[in-house]
């Protein structure tokens, strides 16, 4: 269950950051990479690609 929650949270962080952290038309950060780093610290998980 924790794996599913982590995957859903990672996807949600990526989608939200894609639309909120941008300068006009360009993203400031890579949304997928930012989501992986955020979930690493939030859920204390290892890297997974």
Protein backbone atom coordinates (compact mmCIF):
# COMPACT_ATOMS: atom_id res chain seq x y z
CA UNK A 1 0.00 0.00 0.00
CA UNK A 2 2.86 2.38 0.77
CA UNK A 3 4.34 1.77 -2.68
CA UNK A 4 1.06 2.80 -4.32
CA UNK A 5 0.80 5.90 -2.12
CA UNK A 6 4.37 6.87 -2.99
CA UNK A 7 3.73 6.45 -6.72
CA UNK A 8 0.55 8.50 -6.58
CA UNK A 9 2.24 11.23 -4.53
CA UNK A 10 5.17 11.35 -6.95
CA UNK A 11 2.84 11.74 -9.93
CA UNK A 12 0.81 14.42 -8.14
CA UNK A 13 3.92 16.41 -7.22
CA UNK A 14 5.16 16.22 -10.81
CA UNK A 15 1.84 17.40 -12.25
CA UNK A 16 1.42 20.23 -9.74
CA UNK A 17 5.00 21.45 -10.12
CA UNK A 18 4.66 21.38 -13.92
CA UNK A 19 1.84 23.91 -13.75
CA UNK A 20 2.94 26.04 -10.79
CA UNK A 21 6.74 26.34 -10.99
CA UNK A 22 7.17 28.01 -14.37
CA UNK A 23 8.25 31.25 -15.97
CA UNK A 24 5.64 32.16 -18.58
CA UNK A 25 6.02 29.18 -20.94
CA UNK A 26 9.09 27.36 -19.61
CA UNK A 27 9.39 25.09 -16.58
CA UNK A 28 11.93 26.12 -13.97
CA UNK A 29 12.68 22.53 -12.95
CA UNK A 30 12.23 19.16 -14.62
CA UNK A 31 8.89 18.09 -13.07
CA UNK A 32 9.72 14.37 -12.96
CA UNK A 33 13.11 14.91 -11.36
CA UNK A 34 11.70 17.38 -8.85
CA UNK A 35 8.97 14.91 -7.88
CA UNK A 36 11.51 12.12 -7.33
CA UNK A 37 13.66 14.34 -5.14
CA UNK A 38 10.63 15.55 -3.18
CA UNK A 39 9.33 12.05 -2.52
CA UNK A 40 12.83 10.92 -1.56
CA UNK A 41 12.76 13.42 1.30
CA UNK A 42 9.04 13.17 2.14
CA UNK A 43 8.74 9.38 2.21
CA UNK A 44 12.40 8.44 2.84
CA UNK A 45 12.46 6.23 -0.26
CA UNK A 46 15.30 5.16 -2.50
CA UNK A 47 15.72 6.29 -6.10
CA UNK A 48 13.59 4.46 -8.63
CA UNK A 49 13.32 4.96 -12.35
